[in-house]
Amino acid sequence: MELEKILEVVPIRKPMLCIDNICEVIYGQSAKGYRNIKRDEDWAKGHFINDPIFPGTLIIETMAQIGAFIFYNEENPQLLKSYLGKVNDVKFLQKVIPDCRMYINAEIVMKIKKMARIRCEALVNDEIVAQGELTLYYMEDLL
């Protein structure tokens, strides 16, 4: 799913939009997508000076935004409005430095009404750079 379509689905815009592409959605099960990490983004100016490292908080936000697509139904498209409710045991295993593409694989662990717990992995060059679980809250009941 290209950026133009993503903008129809999520109520988030730059600079907080953390998705460049959604590669795959298996409705109610998993979602995969990526973000291009660029040296000219605002965060790179100060985190850290002369040694930019993509912030862990933005890795988590990218996981949450791509993970929310687990409940995107292409047959019944509607606005995806979710909120990050909890960060469960996320580990950062390697630094993420520009210029690279960070892939996110997200899968459902559990869902109850408007809440979903998802397991996420962030990968750069096929190596896991972060992993953990997030709890997302949606405006509508799920499935």
Protein backbone atom coordinates (compact mmCIF):
# COMPACT_ATOMS: atom_id res chain seq x y z
CA MET A 1 0.00 0.00 0.00
CA GLU A 2 1.58 3.22 -1.17
CA LEU A 3 1.64 6.48 0.80
CA GLU A 4 -1.36 8.00 -0.98
CA LYS A 5 -3.59 5.09 0.13
CA ILE A 6 -2.08 5.08 3.65
CA LEU A 7 -3.07 8.75 4.04
CA GLU A 8 -6.69 7.78 3.28
CA VAL A 9 -6.63 5.21 6.09
CA VAL A 10 -4.74 6.82 9.00
CA PRO A 11 -5.49 10.21 10.62
CA ILE A 12 -1.77 11.00 11.03
CA ARG A 13 0.41 13.26 8.89
CA LYS A 14 4.08 14.21 8.71
CA PRO A 15 6.08 14.80 10.80
CA MET A 16 4.41 12.11 12.96
CA LEU A 17 3.49 9.68 10.19
CA CYS A 18 6.02 6.83 10.51
CA ILE A 19 4.94 4.68 7.55
CA ASP A 20 6.27 4.75 4.00
CA ASN A 21 4.65 1.54 2.78
CA ILE A 22 2.40 -1.29 3.98
CA CYS A 23 3.65 -4.45 2.28
CA GLU A 24 1.16 -7.02 3.55
CA VAL A 25 -1.95 -7.27 5.70
CA ILE A 26 -3.55 -10.53 6.75
CA TYR A 27 -6.73 -9.15 8.29
CA GLY A 28 -6.98 -9.91 11.99
CA GLN A 29 -3.60 -11.67 12.04
CA SER A 30 -0.59 -9.65 10.89
CA ALA A 31 0.77 -6.60 9.08
CA LYS A 32 4.13 -5.79 7.51
CA GLY A 33 5.46 -2.45 6.39
CA TYR A 34 8.46 -0.18 6.39
CA ARG A 35 9.79 3.27 7.10
CA ASN A 36 12.73 4.84 5.31
CA ILE A 37 15.11 6.30 7.90
CA LYS A 38 16.65 9.44 6.40
CA ARG A 39 19.50 11.67 7.50
CA ASP A 40 17.58 14.86 6.62
CA GLU A 41 14.71 14.23 9.08
CA ASP A 42 14.30 16.58 12.05
CA TRP A 43 15.20 13.98 14.71
CA ALA A 44 18.64 13.47 13.07
CA LYS A 45 19.66 17.07 13.80
CA GLY A 46 19.89 16.48 17.54
CA HIS A 47 19.87 12.74 18.31
CA PHE A 48 22.90 12.69 18.45
CA ILE A 49 25.00 15.56 17.06
CA ASN A 50 27.39 14.22 14.39
CA ASP A 51 26.27 10.63 15.16
CA PRO A 52 22.55 10.31 14.33
CA ILE A 53 20.76 7.35 15.90
CA PHE A 54 17.05 6.83 15.20
CA PRO A 55 15.26 7.28 18.58
CA GLY A 56 13.75 4.24 20.29
CA THR A 57 10.53 6.15 20.87
CA LEU A 58 10.14 6.55 17.10
CA ILE A 59 10.83 2.84 16.58
CA ILE A 60 7.96 2.13 18.99
CA GLU A 61 5.70 4.64 17.21
CA THR A 62 6.53 3.02 13.86
CA MET A 63 5.66 -0.40 15.31
CA ALA A 64 2.34 0.93 16.61
CA GLN A 65 1.36 2.64 13.36
CA ILE A 66 2.18 -0.35 11.16
CA GLY A 67 0.73 -2.78 13.72
CA ALA A 68 -2.60 -0.93 13.63
CA PHE A 69 -3.00 -2.16 10.05
CA ILE A 70 -3.66 -5.68 11.36
CA PHE A 71 -7.29 -4.54 11.51
CA TYR A 72 -7.41 -2.85 8.12
CA ASN A 73 -10.01 -4.61 5.99
CA GLU A 74 -9.51 -3.86 2.30
CA GLU A 75 -13.03 -5.14 1.52
CA ASN A 76 -14.53 -2.66 3.99
CA PRO A 77 -11.98 0.19 4.17
CA GLN A 78 -12.44 2.75 6.88
CA LEU A 79 -10.36 5.16 8.93
CA LEU A 80 -7.99 3.33 11.31
CA LYS A 81 -8.00 5.21 14.58
CA SER A 82 -5.96 3.54 17.29
CA TYR A 83 -4.05 4.68 20.34
CA LEU A 84 -0.93 3.25 21.92
CA GLY A 85 -2.01 2.10 25.36
CA LYS A 86 0.99 0.22 26.68
CA VAL A 87 4.54 -0.68 25.75
CA ASN A 88 5.24 -4.20 26.95
CA ASP A 89 8.89 -5.18 27.29
CA VAL A 90 10.34 -3.64 24.12
CA LYS A 91 14.04 -4.32 23.67
CA PHE A 92 16.41 -2.37 21.45
CA LEU A 93 19.06 -4.76 20.16
CA GLN A 94 21.02 -2.59 17.71
CA LYS A 95 21.35 1.06 16.75
CA VAL A 96 19.34 2.24 13.76
CA ILE A 97 21.29 4.78 11.75
CA PRO A 98 20.33 6.62 8.58
CA ASP A 99 20.11 5.96 5.65
CA CYS A 100 18.29 2.65 5.80
CA ARG A 101 14.90 0.99 5.49
CA MET A 102 13.40 -0.36 8.71
CA TYR A 103 10.83 -3.13 8.27
CA ILE A 104 8.20 -3.88 10.88
CA ASN A 105 6.54 -7.27 11.25
CA ALA A 106 3.52 -7.20 13.56
CA GLU A 107 1.24 -10.04 14.59
CA ILE A 108 -1.74 -10.31 16.87
CA VAL A 109 -1.21 -11.89 20.28
CA MET A 110 -4.64 -11.24 21.77
CA LYS A 111 -7.71 -9.10 21.18
CA ILE A 112 -10.66 -8.18 23.36
CA LYS A 113 -13.34 -5.82 22.03
CA LYS A 114 -11.46 -2.54 21.41
CA MET A 115 -8.04 -3.67 22.63
CA ALA A 116 -5.31 -5.64 20.84
CA ARG A 117 -1.93 -6.81 22.03
CA ILE A 118 0.55 -7.16 19.18
CA ARG A 119 4.05 -8.60 18.93
CA CYS A 120 6.44 -6.60 16.75
CA GLU A 121 9.89 -6.94 15.28
CA ALA A 122 11.86 -4.14 13.66
CA LEU A 123 14.48 -5.22 11.14
CA VAL A 124 17.22 -3.45 9.20
CA ASN A 125 19.15 -5.44 6.59
CA ASP A 126 17.34 -8.61 7.78
CA GLU A 127 18.68 -8.18 11.33
CA ILE A 128 16.36 -7.61 14.28
CA VAL A 129 17.05 -4.18 15.79
CA ALA A 130 14.10 -4.08 18.22
CA GLN A 131 11.30 -6.37 19.40
CA GLY A 132 8.51 -6.41 21.91
CA GLU A 133 4.78 -6.20 22.50
CA LEU A 134 2.44 -3.21 22.35
CA THR A 135 -1.16 -2.77 23.42
CA LEU A 136 -3.33 -0.74 21.05
CA TYR A 137 -6.81 0.66 21.70
CA TYR A 138 -9.23 1.23 18.82
CA MET A 139 -12.32 3.44 18.56
CA GLU A 140 -14.45 0.53 17.29
CA ASP A 141 -14.82 -3.09 18.39
CA LEU A 142 -12.41 -5.36 16.53
CA LEU A 143 -13.54 -8.12 14.17
